[in-house]
Amino acid sequence: LNADVTVSARKLSDLAFISTKQLSAVSTNKLYTLSPFDIIFNTVPA
């Protein structure tokens, strides 16, 4: 849908795979360092 998508994950393997999809990848423990978002979707039960 042409959104500017960033995906967070903990596993290095997931972060690597996200990068191959031409999406921005970020470690979950560094979310607070990012620029503001318009829409946040959480799928993590923690």
ModelCIF file with pLDDT and N, C-alpha, C, O atoms, coordinates in Angstrom:
data_MODEL
#
_entry.id   MODEL 
#
_entity.id                         1 
_entity.type                       polymer 
_entity.pdbx_number_of_molecules   1 
#
_entity_poly.entity_id                      1 
_entity_poly.type                           'polypeptide(L)' 
_entity_poly.nstd_linkage                   no 
_entity_poly.nstd_monomer                   no 
_entity_poly.pdbx_seq_one_letter_code       LNADVTVSARKLSDLAFISTKQLSAVSTNKLYTLSPFDIIFNTVPA 
_entity_poly.pdbx_seq_one_letter_code_can   LNADVTVSARKLSDLAFISTKQLSAVSTNKLYTLSPFDIIFNTVPA 
_entity_poly.pdbx_strand_id                 A 
#
loop_
_entity_poly_seq.entity_id 
_entity_poly_seq.num 
_entity_poly_seq.mon_id 
_entity_poly_seq.hetero 
1 1  LEU n 
1 2  ASN n 
1 3  ALA n 
1 4  ASP n 
1 5  VAL n 
1 6  THR n 
1 7  VAL n 
1 8  SER n 
1 9  ALA n 
1 10 ARG n 
1 11 LYS n 
1 12 LEU n 
1 13 SER n 
1 14 ASP n 
1 15 LEU n 
1 16 ALA n 
1 17 PHE n 
1 18 ILE n 
1 19 SER n 
1 20 THR n 
1 21 LYS n 
1 22 GLN n 
1 23 LEU n 
1 24 SER n 
1 25 ALA n 
1 26 VAL n 
1 27 SER n 
1 28 THR n 
1 29 ASN n 
1 30 LYS n 
1 31 LEU n 
1 32 TYR n 
1 33 THR n 
1 34 LEU n 
1 35 SER n 
1 36 PRO n 
1 37 PHE n 
1 38 ASP n 
1 39 ILE n 
1 40 ILE n 
1 41 PHE n 
1 42 ASN n 
1 43 THR n 
1 44 VAL n 
1 45 PRO n 
1 46 ALA n 
#
_struct_asym.id          A 
_struct_asym.entity_id   1 
#
loop_
_ma_qa_metric.id 
_ma_qa_metric.mode 
_ma_qa_metric.name 
_ma_qa_metric.software_group_id 
_ma_qa_metric.type 
1 global pLDDT . pLDDT 
2 local  pLDDT . pLDDT 
#
_ma_qa_metric_global.metric_id      1 
_ma_qa_metric_global.metric_value   91.87 
_ma_qa_metric_global.model_id       1 
_ma_qa_metric_global.ordinal_id     1 
#
loop_
_ma_qa_metric_local.label_asym_id 
_ma_qa_metric_local.label_comp_id 
_ma_qa_metric_local.label_seq_id 
_ma_qa_metric_local.metric_id 
_ma_qa_metric_local.metric_value 
_ma_qa_metric_local.model_id 
_ma_qa_metric_local.ordinal_id 
A LEU 1  2 97.00 1 1  
A ASN 2  2 96.00 1 2  
A ALA 3  2 96.00 1 3  
A ASP 4  2 96.00 1 4  
A VAL 5  2 96.00 1 5  
A THR 6  2 95.00 1 6  
A VAL 7  2 96.00 1 7  
A SER 8  2 95.00 1 8  
A ALA 9  2 95.00 1 9  
A ARG 10 2 93.00 1 10 
A LYS 11 2 94.00 1 11 
A LEU 12 2 95.00 1 12 
A SER 13 2 95.00 1 13 
A ASP 14 2 94.00 1 14 
A LEU 15 2 94.00 1 15 
A ALA 16 2 95.00 1 16 
A PHE 17 2 93.00 1 17 
A ILE 18 2 95.00 1 18 
A SER 19 2 92.00 1 19 
A THR 20 2 93.00 1 20 
A LYS 21 2 88.00 1 21 
A GLN 22 2 84.00 1 22 
A LEU 23 2 93.00 1 23 
A SER 24 2 93.00 1 24 
A ALA 25 2 93.00 1 25 
A VAL 26 2 94.00 1 26 
A SER 27 2 93.00 1 27 
A THR 28 2 90.00 1 28 
A ASN 29 2 87.00 1 29 
A LYS 30 2 88.00 1 30 
A LEU 31 2 85.00 1 31 
A TYR 32 2 81.00 1 32 
A THR 33 2 80.00 1 33 
A LEU 34 2 79.00 1 34 
A SER 35 2 78.00 1 35 
A PRO 36 2 85.00 1 36 
A PHE 37 2 91.00 1 37 
A ASP 38 2 93.00 1 38 
A ILE 39 2 95.00 1 39 
A ILE 40 2 95.00 1 40 
A PHE 41 2 97.00 1 41 
A ASN 42 2 96.00 1 42 
A THR 43 2 96.00 1 43 
A VAL 44 2 94.00 1 44 
A PRO 45 2 92.00 1 45 
A ALA 46 2 91.00 1 46 
#
loop_
_atom_site.group_PDB 
_atom_site.id 
_atom_site.type_symbol 
_atom_site.label_atom_id 
_atom_site.label_alt_id 
_atom_site.label_comp_id 
_atom_site.label_asym_id 
_atom_site.label_entity_id 
_atom_site.label_seq_id 
_atom_site.pdbx_PDB_ins_code 
_atom_site.Cartn_x 
_atom_site.Cartn_y 
_atom_site.Cartn_z 
_atom_site.occupancy 
_atom_site.B_iso_or_equiv 
_atom_site.pdbx_formal_charge 
_atom_site.auth_seq_id 
_atom_site.auth_comp_id 
_atom_site.auth_asym_id 
_atom_site.auth_atom_id 
_atom_site.pdbx_PDB_model_num 
ATOM 1   N N  . LEU A 1 1  ? 0.826  -1.217  0.000  1.00 97.00 ? 1  LEU A N  1 
ATOM 2   C CA . LEU A 1 1  ? 0.000  0.000   0.000  1.00 97.00 ? 1  LEU A CA 1 
ATOM 3   C C  . LEU A 1 1  ? 0.860  1.268   0.000  1.00 97.00 ? 1  LEU A C  1 
ATOM 4   O O  . LEU A 1 1  ? 0.357  2.374   0.194  1.00 97.00 ? 1  LEU A O  1 
ATOM 5   N N  . ASN A 1 2  ? 2.158  1.086   -0.220 1.00 96.00 ? 2  ASN A N  1 
ATOM 6   C CA . ASN A 1 2  ? 3.099  2.204   -0.350 1.00 96.00 ? 2  ASN A CA 1 
ATOM 7   C C  . ASN A 1 2  ? 3.354  2.928   0.968  1.00 96.00 ? 2  ASN A C  1 
ATOM 8   O O  . ASN A 1 2  ? 3.674  4.116   0.978  1.00 96.00 ? 2  ASN A O  1 
ATOM 9   N N  . ALA A 1 3  ? 3.211  2.209   2.077  1.00 96.00 ? 3  ALA A N  1 
ATOM 10  C CA . ALA A 1 3  ? 3.552  2.787   3.375  1.00 96.00 ? 3  ALA A CA 1 
ATOM 11  C C  . ALA A 1 3  ? 5.065  2.713   3.579  1.00 96.00 ? 3  ALA A C  1 
ATOM 12  O O  . ALA A 1 3  ? 5.753  1.896   2.968  1.00 96.00 ? 3  ALA A O  1 
ATOM 13  N N  . ASP A 1 4  ? 5.560  3.583   4.449  1.00 96.00 ? 4  ASP A N  1 
ATOM 14  C CA . ASP A 1 4  ? 6.967  3.549   4.847  1.00 96.00 ? 4  ASP A CA 1 
ATOM 15  C C  . ASP A 1 4  ? 7.042  2.633   6.074  1.00 96.00 ? 4  ASP A C  1 
ATOM 16  O O  . ASP A 1 4  ? 6.701  3.048   7.182  1.00 96.00 ? 4  ASP A O  1 
ATOM 17  N N  . VAL A 1 5  ? 7.489  1.384   5.876  1.00 96.00 ? 5  VAL A N  1 
ATOM 18  C CA . VAL A 1 5  ? 7.341  0.343   6.890  1.00 96.00 ? 5  VAL A CA 1 
ATOM 19  C C  . VAL A 1 5  ? 8.659  0.045   7.596  1.00 96.00 ? 5  VAL A C  1 
ATOM 20  O O  . VAL A 1 5  ? 9.687  -0.192  6.960  1.00 96.00 ? 5  VAL A O  1 
ATOM 21  N N  . THR A 1 6  ? 8.603  0.064   8.927  1.00 95.00 ? 6  THR A N  1 
ATOM 22  C CA . THR A 1 6  ? 9.701  -0.390  9.770  1.00 95.00 ? 6  THR A CA 1 
ATOM 23  C C  . THR A 1 6  ? 9.207  -1.585  10.572 1.00 95.00 ? 6  THR A C  1 
ATOM 24  O O  . THR A 1 6  ? 8.086  -1.567  11.079 1.00 95.00 ? 6  THR A O  1 
ATOM 25  N N  . VAL A 1 7  ? 10.027 -2.620  10.691 1.00 96.00 ? 7  VAL A N  1 
ATOM 26  C CA . VAL A 1 7  ? 9.644  -3.813  11.435 1.00 96.00 ? 7  VAL A CA 1 
ATOM 27  C C  . VAL A 1 7  ? 10.663 -4.050  12.539 1.00 96.00 ? 7  VAL A C  1 
ATOM 28  O O  . VAL A 1 7  ? 11.870 -4.004  12.303 1.00 96.00 ? 7  VAL A O  1 
ATOM 29  N N  . SER A 1 8  ? 10.171 -4.300  13.738 1.00 95.00 ? 8  SER A N  1 
ATOM 30  C CA . SER A 1 8  ? 11.079 -4.603  14.849 1.00 95.00 ? 8  SER A CA 1 
ATOM 31  C C  . SER A 1 8  ? 11.073 -6.095  15.146 1.00 95.00 ? 8  SER A C  1 
ATOM 32  O O  . SER A 1 8  ? 10.056 -6.771  14.990 1.00 95.00 ? 8  SER A O  1 
ATOM 33  N N  . ALA A 1 9  ? 12.212 -6.590  15.571 1.00 95.00 ? 9  ALA A N  1 
ATOM 34  C CA . ALA A 1 9  ? 12.345 -7.995  15.955 1.00 95.00 ? 9  ALA A CA 1 
ATOM 35  C C  . ALA A 1 9  ? 13.512 -8.113  16.921 1.00 95.00 ? 9  ALA A C  1 
ATOM 36  O O  . ALA A 1 9  ? 14.337 -7.206  17.031 1.00 95.00 ? 9  ALA A O  1 
ATOM 37  N N  . ARG A 1 10 ? 13.573 -9.242  17.622 1.00 93.00 ? 10 ARG A N  1 
ATOM 38  C CA . ARG A 1 10 ? 14.668 -9.491  18.555 1.00 93.00 ? 10 ARG A CA 1 
ATOM 39  C C  . ARG A 1 10 ? 15.759 -10.357 17.934 1.00 93.00 ? 10 ARG A C  1 
ATOM 40  O O  . ARG A 1 10 ? 16.945 -10.145 18.184 1.00 93.00 ? 10 ARG A O  1 
ATOM 41  N N  . LYS A 1 11 ? 15.351 -11.335 17.121 1.00 94.00 ? 11 LYS A N  1 
ATOM 42  C CA . LYS A 1 11 ? 16.313 -12.275 16.544 1.00 94.00 ? 11 LYS A CA 1 
ATOM 43  C C  . LYS A 1 11 ? 17.092 -11.631 15.401 1.00 94.00 ? 11 LYS A C  1 
ATOM 44  O O  . LYS A 1 11 ? 16.523 -10.929 14.566 1.00 94.00 ? 11 LYS A O  1 
ATOM 45  N N  . LEU A 1 12 ? 18.391 -11.877 15.374 1.00 95.00 ? 12 LEU A N  1 
ATOM 46  C CA . LEU A 1 12 ? 19.220 -11.368 14.292 1.00 95.00 ? 12 LEU A CA 1 
ATOM 47  C C  . LEU A 1 12 ? 18.791 -11.966 12.951 1.00 95.00 ? 12 LEU A C  1 
ATOM 48  O O  . LEU A 1 12 ? 18.865 -11.299 11.919 1.00 95.00 ? 12 LEU A O  1 
ATOM 49  N N  . SER A 1 13 ? 18.344 -13.217 12.967 1.00 95.00 ? 13 SER A N  1 
ATOM 50  C CA . SER A 1 13 ? 17.892 -13.861 11.724 1.00 95.00 ? 13 SER A CA 1 
ATOM 51  C C  . SER A 1 13 ? 16.663 -13.164 11.164 1.00 95.00 ? 13 SER A C  1 
ATOM 52  O O  . SER A 1 13 ? 16.541 -12.987 9.952  1.00 95.00 ? 13 SER A O  1 
ATOM 53  N N  . ASP A 1 14 ? 15.743 -12.765 12.056 1.00 94.00 ? 14 ASP A N  1 
ATOM 54  C CA . ASP A 1 14 ? 14.555 -12.041 11.602 1.00 94.00 ? 14 ASP A CA 1 
ATOM 55  C C  . ASP A 1 14 ? 14.930 -10.675 11.043 1.00 94.00 ? 14 ASP A C  1 
ATOM 56  O O  . ASP A 1 14 ? 14.405 -10.260 10.010 1.00 94.00 ? 14 ASP A O  1 
ATOM 57  N N  . LEU A 1 15 ? 15.839 -9.975  11.722 1.00 94.00 ? 15 LEU A N  1 
ATOM 58  C CA . LEU A 1 15 ? 16.270 -8.658  11.261 1.00 94.00 ? 15 LEU A CA 1 
ATOM 59  C C  . LEU A 1 15 ? 16.919 -8.758  9.882  1.00 94.00 ? 15 LEU A C  1 
ATOM 60  O O  . LEU A 1 15 ? 16.728 -7.889  9.032  1.00 94.00 ? 15 LEU A O  1 
ATOM 61  N N  . ALA A 1 16 ? 17.680 -9.819  9.672  1.00 95.00 ? 16 ALA A N  1 
ATOM 62  C CA . ALA A 1 16 ? 18.315 -10.019 8.373  1.00 95.00 ? 16 ALA A CA 1 
ATOM 63  C C  . ALA A 1 16 ? 17.267 -10.273 7.291  1.00 95.00 ? 16 ALA A C  1 
ATOM 64  O O  . ALA A 1 16 ? 17.355 -9.729  6.191  1.00 95.00 ? 16 ALA A O  1 
ATOM 65  N N  . PHE A 1 17 ? 16.284 -11.096 7.611  1.00 93.00 ? 17 PHE A N  1 
ATOM 66  C CA . PHE A 1 17 ? 15.250 -11.416 6.628  1.00 93.00 ? 17 PHE A CA 1 
ATOM 67  C C  . PHE A 1 17 ? 14.410 -10.182 6.301  1.00 93.00 ? 17 PHE A C  1 
ATOM 68  O O  . PHE A 1 17 ? 14.052 -9.965  5.144  1.00 93.00 ? 17 PHE A O  1 
ATOM 69  N N  . ILE A 1 18 ? 14.095 -9.376  7.315  1.00 95.00 ? 18 ILE A N  1 
ATOM 70  C CA . ILE A 1 18 ? 13.335 -8.141  7.094  1.00 95.00 ? 18 ILE A CA 1 
ATOM 71  C C  . ILE A 1 18 ? 14.075 -7.246  6.111  1.00 95.00 ? 18 ILE A C  1 
ATOM 72  O O  . ILE A 1 18 ? 13.462 -6.653  5.223  1.00 95.00 ? 18 ILE A O  1 
ATOM 73  N N  . SER A 1 19 ? 15.389 -7.146  6.268  1.00 92.00 ? 19 SER A N  1 
ATOM 74  C CA . SER A 1 19 ? 16.197 -6.298  5.389  1.00 92.00 ? 19 SER A CA 1 
ATOM 75  C C  . SER A 1 19 ? 16.139 -6.769  3.941  1.00 92.00 ? 19 SER A C  1 
ATOM 76  O O  . SER A 1 19 ? 16.189 -5.953  3.021  1.00 92.00 ? 19 SER A O  1 
ATOM 77  N N  . THR A 1 20 ? 16.033 -8.084  3.733  1.00 93.00 ? 20 THR A N  1 
ATOM 78  C CA . THR A 1 20 ? 15.955 -8.607  2.367  1.00 93.00 ? 20 THR A CA 1 
ATOM 79  C C  . THR A 1 20 ? 14.639 -8.263  1.691  1.00 93.00 ? 20 THR A C  1 
ATOM 80  O O  . THR A 1 20 ? 14.522 -8.339  0.468  1.00 93.00 ? 20 THR A O  1 
ATOM 81  N N  . LYS A 1 21 ? 13.654 -7.886  2.487  1.00 88.00 ? 21 LYS A N  1 
ATOM 82  C CA . LYS A 1 21 ? 12.335 -7.527  1.935  1.00 88.00 ? 21 LYS A CA 1 
ATOM 83  C C  . LYS A 1 21 ? 12.241 -6.042  1.608  1.00 88.00 ? 21 LYS A C  1 
ATOM 84  O O  . LYS A 1 21 ? 11.157 -5.541  1.311  1.00 88.00 ? 21 LYS A O  1 
ATOM 85  N N  . GLN A 1 22 ? 13.356 -5.342  1.660  1.00 84.00 ? 22 GLN A N  1 
ATOM 86  C CA . GLN A 1 22 ? 13.402 -3.899  1.405  1.00 84.00 ? 22 GLN A CA 1 
ATOM 87  C C  . GLN A 1 22 ? 12.534 -3.126  2.397  1.00 84.00 ? 22 GLN A C  1 
ATOM 88  O O  . GLN A 1 22 ? 11.908 -2.123  2.054  1.00 84.00 ? 22 GLN A O  1 
ATOM 89  N N  . LEU A 1 23 ? 12.515 -3.624  3.640  1.00 93.00 ? 23 LEU A N  1 
ATOM 90  C CA . LEU A 1 23 ? 11.844 -2.951  4.735  1.00 93.00 ? 23 LEU A CA 1 
ATOM 91  C C  . LEU A 1 23 ? 12.915 -2.483  5.721  1.00 93.00 ? 23 LEU A C  1 
ATOM 92  O O  . LEU A 1 23 ? 14.008 -3.047  5.771  1.00 93.00 ? 23 LEU A O  1 
ATOM 93  N N  . SER A 1 24 ? 12.599 -1.462  6.494  1.00 93.00 ? 24 SER A N  1 
ATOM 94  C CA . SER A 1 24 ? 13.536 -1.026  7.526  1.00 93.00 ? 24 SER A CA 1 
ATOM 95  C C  . SER A 1 24 ? 13.445 -1.979  8.711  1.00 93.00 ? 24 SER A C  1 
ATOM 96  O O  . SER A 1 24 ? 12.350 -2.340  9.143  1.00 93.00 ? 24 SER A O  1 
ATOM 97  N N  . ALA A 1 25 ? 14.591 -2.383  9.229  1.00 93.00 ? 25 ALA A N  1 
ATOM 98  C CA . ALA A 1 25 ? 14.622 -3.322  10.354 1.00 93.00 ? 25 ALA A CA 1 
ATOM 99  C C  . ALA A 1 25 ? 15.255 -2.650  11.558 1.00 93.00 ? 25 ALA A C  1 
ATOM 100 O O  . ALA A 1 25 ? 16.215 -1.888  11.439 1.00 93.00 ? 25 ALA A O  1 
ATOM 101 N N  . VAL A 1 26 ? 14.687 -2.956  12.737 1.00 94.00 ? 26 VAL A N  1 
ATOM 102 C CA . VAL A 1 26 ? 15.221 -2.383  13.965 1.00 94.00 ? 26 VAL A CA 1 
ATOM 103 C C  . VAL A 1 26 ? 15.085 -3.396  15.092 1.00 94.00 ? 26 VAL A C  1 
ATOM 104 O O  . VAL A 1 26 ? 14.103 -4.135  15.164 1.00 94.00 ? 26 VAL A O  1 
ATOM 105 N N  . SER A 1 27 ? 16.065 -3.420  15.957 1.00 93.00 ? 27 SER A N  1 
ATOM 106 C CA . SER A 1 27 ? 15.982 -4.282  17.134 1.00 93.00 ? 27 SER A CA 1 
ATOM 107 C C  . SER A 1 27 ? 14.914 -3.736  18.071 1.00 93.00 ? 27 SER A C  1 
ATOM 108 O O  . SER A 1 27 ? 14.790 -2.523  18.245 1.00 93.00 ? 27 SER A O  1 
ATOM 109 N N  . THR A 1 28 ? 14.154 -4.625  18.667 1.00 90.00 ? 28 THR A N  1 
ATOM 110 C CA . THR A 1 28 ? 13.036 -4.211  19.531 1.00 90.00 ? 28 THR A CA 1 
ATOM 111 C C  . THR A 1 28 ? 13.500 -3.331  20.682 1.00 90.00 ? 28 THR A C  1 
ATOM 112 O O  . THR A 1 28 ? 12.774 -2.424  21.090 1.00 90.00 ? 28 THR A O  1 
ATOM 113 N N  . ASN A 1 29 ? 14.676 -3.574  21.206 1.00 87.00 ? 29 ASN A N  1 
ATOM 114 C CA . ASN A 1 29 ? 15.135 -2.777  22.351 1.00 87.00 ? 29 ASN A CA 1 
ATOM 115 C C  . ASN A 1 29 ? 15.657 -1.401  21.963 1.00 87.00 ? 29 ASN A C  1 
ATOM 116 O O  . ASN A 1 29 ? 16.149 -0.662  22.816 1.00 87.00 ? 29 ASN A O  1 
ATOM 117 N N  . LYS A 1 30 ? 15.555 -1.046  20.674 1.00 88.00 ? 30 LYS A N  1 
ATOM 118 C CA . LYS A 1 30 ? 15.989 0.280   20.230 1.00 88.00 ? 30 LYS A CA 1 
ATOM 119 C C  . LYS A 1 30 ? 14.851 1.105   19.627 1.00 88.00 ? 30 LYS A C  1 
ATOM 120 O O  . LYS A 1 30 ? 15.090 2.094   18.934 1.00 88.00 ? 30 LYS A O  1 
ATOM 121 N N  . LEU A 1 31 ? 13.625 0.694   19.896 1.00 85.00 ? 31 LEU A N  1 
ATOM 122 C CA . LEU A 1 31 ? 12.476 1.393   19.323 1.00 85.00 ? 31 LEU A CA 1 
ATOM 123 C C  . LEU A 1 31 ? 12.423 2.857   19.743 1.00 85.00 ? 31 LEU A C  1 
ATOM 124 O O  . LEU A 1 31 ? 12.044 3.720   18.952 1.00 85.00 ? 31 LEU A O  1 
ATOM 125 N N  . TYR A 1 32 ? 12.796 3.127   20.961 1.00 81.00 ? 32 TYR A N  1 
ATOM 126 C CA . TYR A 1 32 ? 12.691 4.492   21.488 1.00 81.00 ? 32 TYR A CA 1 
ATOM 127 C C  . TYR A 1 32 ? 13.638 5.464   20.785 1.00 81.00 ? 32 TYR A C  1 
ATOM 128 O O  . TYR A 1 32 ? 13.496 6.676   20.945 1.00 81.00 ? 32 TYR A O  1 
ATOM 129 N N  . THR A 1 33 ? 14.601 4.958   20.011 1.00 80.00 ? 33 THR A N  1 
ATOM 130 C CA . THR A 1 33 ? 15.558 5.822   19.321 1.00 80.00 ? 33 THR A CA 1 
ATOM 131 C C  . THR A 1 33 ? 15.054 6.289   17.963 1.00 80.00 ? 33 THR A C  1 
ATOM 132 O O  . THR A 1 33 ? 15.689 7.126   17.322 1.00 80.00 ? 33 THR A O  1 
ATOM 133 N N  . LEU A 1 34 ? 13.922 5.761   17.519 1.00 79.00 ? 34 LEU A N  1 
ATOM 134 C CA . LEU A 1 34 ? 13.452 6.034   16.165 1.00 79.00 ? 34 LEU A CA 1 
ATOM 135 C C  . LEU A 1 34 ? 12.647 7.316   16.076 1.00 79.00 ? 34 LEU A C  1 
ATOM 136 O O  . LEU A 1 34 ? 12.169 7.844   17.080 1.00 79.00 ? 34 LEU A O  1 
ATOM 137 N N  . SER A 1 35 ? 12.507 7.804   14.852 1.00 78.00 ? 35 SER A N  1 
ATOM 138 C CA . SER A 1 35 ? 11.665 8.970   14.597 1.00 78.00 ? 35 SER A CA 1 
ATOM 139 C C  . SER A 1 35 ? 10.205 8.597   14.847 1.00 78.00 ? 35 SER A C  1 
ATOM 140 O O  . SER A 1 35 ? 9.864  7.414   14.836 1.00 78.00 ? 35 SER A O  1 
ATOM 141 N N  . PRO A 1 36 ? 9.337  9.587   15.072 1.00 85.00 ? 36 PRO A N  1 
ATOM 142 C CA . PRO A 1 36 ? 7.925  9.295   15.358 1.00 85.00 ? 36 PRO A CA 1 
ATOM 143 C C  . PRO A 1 36 ? 7.236  8.536   14.222 1.00 85.00 ? 36 PRO A C  1 
ATOM 144 O O  . PRO A 1 36 ? 7.562  8.714   13.049 1.00 85.00 ? 36 PRO A O  1 
ATOM 145 N N  . PHE A 1 37 ? 6.282  7.690   14.597 1.00 91.00 ? 37 PHE A N  1 
ATOM 146 C CA . PHE A 1 37 ? 5.489  6.935   13.624 1.00 91.00 ? 37 PHE A CA 1 
ATOM 147 C C  . PHE A 1 37 ? 4.058  7.451   13.596 1.00 91.00 ? 37 PHE A C  1 
ATOM 148 O O  . PHE A 1 37 ? 3.580  8.058   14.554 1.00 91.00 ? 37 PHE A O  1 
ATOM 149 N N  . ASP A 1 38 ? 3.383  7.197   12.473 1.00 93.00 ? 38 ASP A N  1 
ATOM 150 C CA . ASP A 1 38 ? 1.969  7.548   12.352 1.00 93.00 ? 38 ASP A CA 1 
ATOM 151 C C  . ASP A 1 38 ? 1.074  6.423   12.866 1.00 93.00 ? 38 ASP A C  1 
ATOM 152 O O  . ASP A 1 38 ? 0.066  6.668   13.529 1.00 93.00 ? 38 ASP A O  1 
ATOM 153 N N  . ILE A 1 39 ? 1.460  5.188   12.550 1.00 95.00 ? 39 ILE A N  1 
ATOM 154 C CA . ILE A 1 39 ? 0.663  4.017   12.934 1.00 95.00 ? 39 ILE A CA 1 
ATOM 155 C C  . ILE A 1 39 ? 1.602  2.953   13.482 1.00 95.00 ? 39 ILE A C  1 
ATOM 156 O O  . ILE A 1 39 ? 2.591  2.593   12.844 1.00 95.00 ? 39 ILE A O  1 
ATOM 157 N N  . ILE A 1 40 ? 1.285  2.459   14.662 1.00 95.00 ? 40 ILE A N  1 
ATOM 158 C CA . ILE A 1 40 ? 2.058  1.367   15.255 1.00 95.00 ? 40 ILE A CA 1 
ATOM 159 C C  . ILE A 1 40 ? 1.150  0.145   15.382 1.00 95.00 ? 40 ILE A C  1 
ATOM 160 O O  . ILE A 1 40 ? 0.060  0.223   15.948 1.00 95.00 ? 40 ILE A O  1 
ATOM 161 N N  . PHE A 1 41 ? 1.615  -0.980  14.849 1.00 97.00 ? 41 PHE A N  1 
ATOM 162 C CA . PHE A 1 41 ? 0.922  -2.260  14.983 1.00 97.00 ? 41 PHE A CA 1 
ATOM 163 C C  . PHE A 1 41 ? 1.777  -3.146  15.879 1.00 97.00 ? 41 PHE A C  1 
ATOM 164 O O  . PHE A 1 41 ? 2.945  -3.391  15.577 1.00 97.00 ? 41 PHE A O  1 
ATOM 165 N N  . ASN A 1 42 ? 1.207  -3.626  16.970 1.00 96.00 ? 42 ASN A N  1 
ATOM 166 C CA . ASN A 1 42 ? 1.948  -4.547  17.828 1.00 96.00 ? 42 ASN A CA 1 
ATOM 167 C C  . ASN A 1 42 ? 1.395  -5.952  17.704 1.00 96.00 ? 42 ASN A C  1 
ATOM 168 O O  . ASN A 1 42 ? 0.184  -6.161  17.780 1.00 96.00 ? 42 ASN A O  1 
ATOM 169 N N  . THR A 1 43 ? 2.291  -6.922  17.511 1.00 96.00 ? 43 THR A N  1 
ATOM 170 C CA . THR A 1 43 ? 1.875  -8.327  17.447 1.00 96.00 ? 43 THR A CA 1 
ATOM 171 C C  . THR A 1 43 ? 2.508  -9.141  18.565 1.00 96.00 ? 43 THR A C  1 
ATOM 172 O O  . THR A 1 43 ? 2.289  -10.350 18.645 1.00 96.00 ? 43 THR A O  1 
ATOM 173 N N  . VAL A 1 44 ? 3.293  -8.499  19.433 1.00 94.00 ? 44 VAL A N  1 
ATOM 174 C CA . VAL A 1 44 ? 4.054  -9.205  20.462 1.00 94.00 ? 44 VAL A CA 1 
ATOM 175 C C  . VAL A 1 44 ? 3.273  -9.234  21.780 1.00 94.00 ? 44 VAL A C  1 
ATOM 176 O O  . VAL A 1 44 ? 2.924  -8.175  22.301 1.00 94.00 ? 44 VAL A O  1 
ATOM 177 N N  . PRO A 1 45 ? 2.989  -10.424 22.332 1.00 92.00 ? 45 PRO A N  1 
ATOM 178 C CA . PRO A 1 45 ? 2.232  -10.519 23.598 1.00 92.00 ? 45 PRO A CA 1 
ATOM 179 C C  . PRO A 1 45 ? 3.127  -10.296 24.816 1.00 92.00 ? 45 PRO A C  1 
ATOM 180 O O  . PRO A 1 45 ? 3.214  -11.141 25.707 1.00 92.00 ? 45 PRO A O  1 
ATOM 181 N N  . ALA A 1 46 ? 3.786  -9.145  24.832 1.00 91.00 ? 46 ALA A N  1 
ATOM 182 C CA . ALA A 1 46 ? 4.669  -8.769  25.937 1.00 91.00 ? 46 ALA A CA 1 
ATOM 183 C C  . ALA A 1 46 ? 4.708  -7.245  25.966 1.00 91.00 ? 46 ALA A C  1 
ATOM 184 O O  . ALA A 1 46 ? 5.386  -6.661  26.811 1.00 91.00 ? 46 ALA A O  1 
#
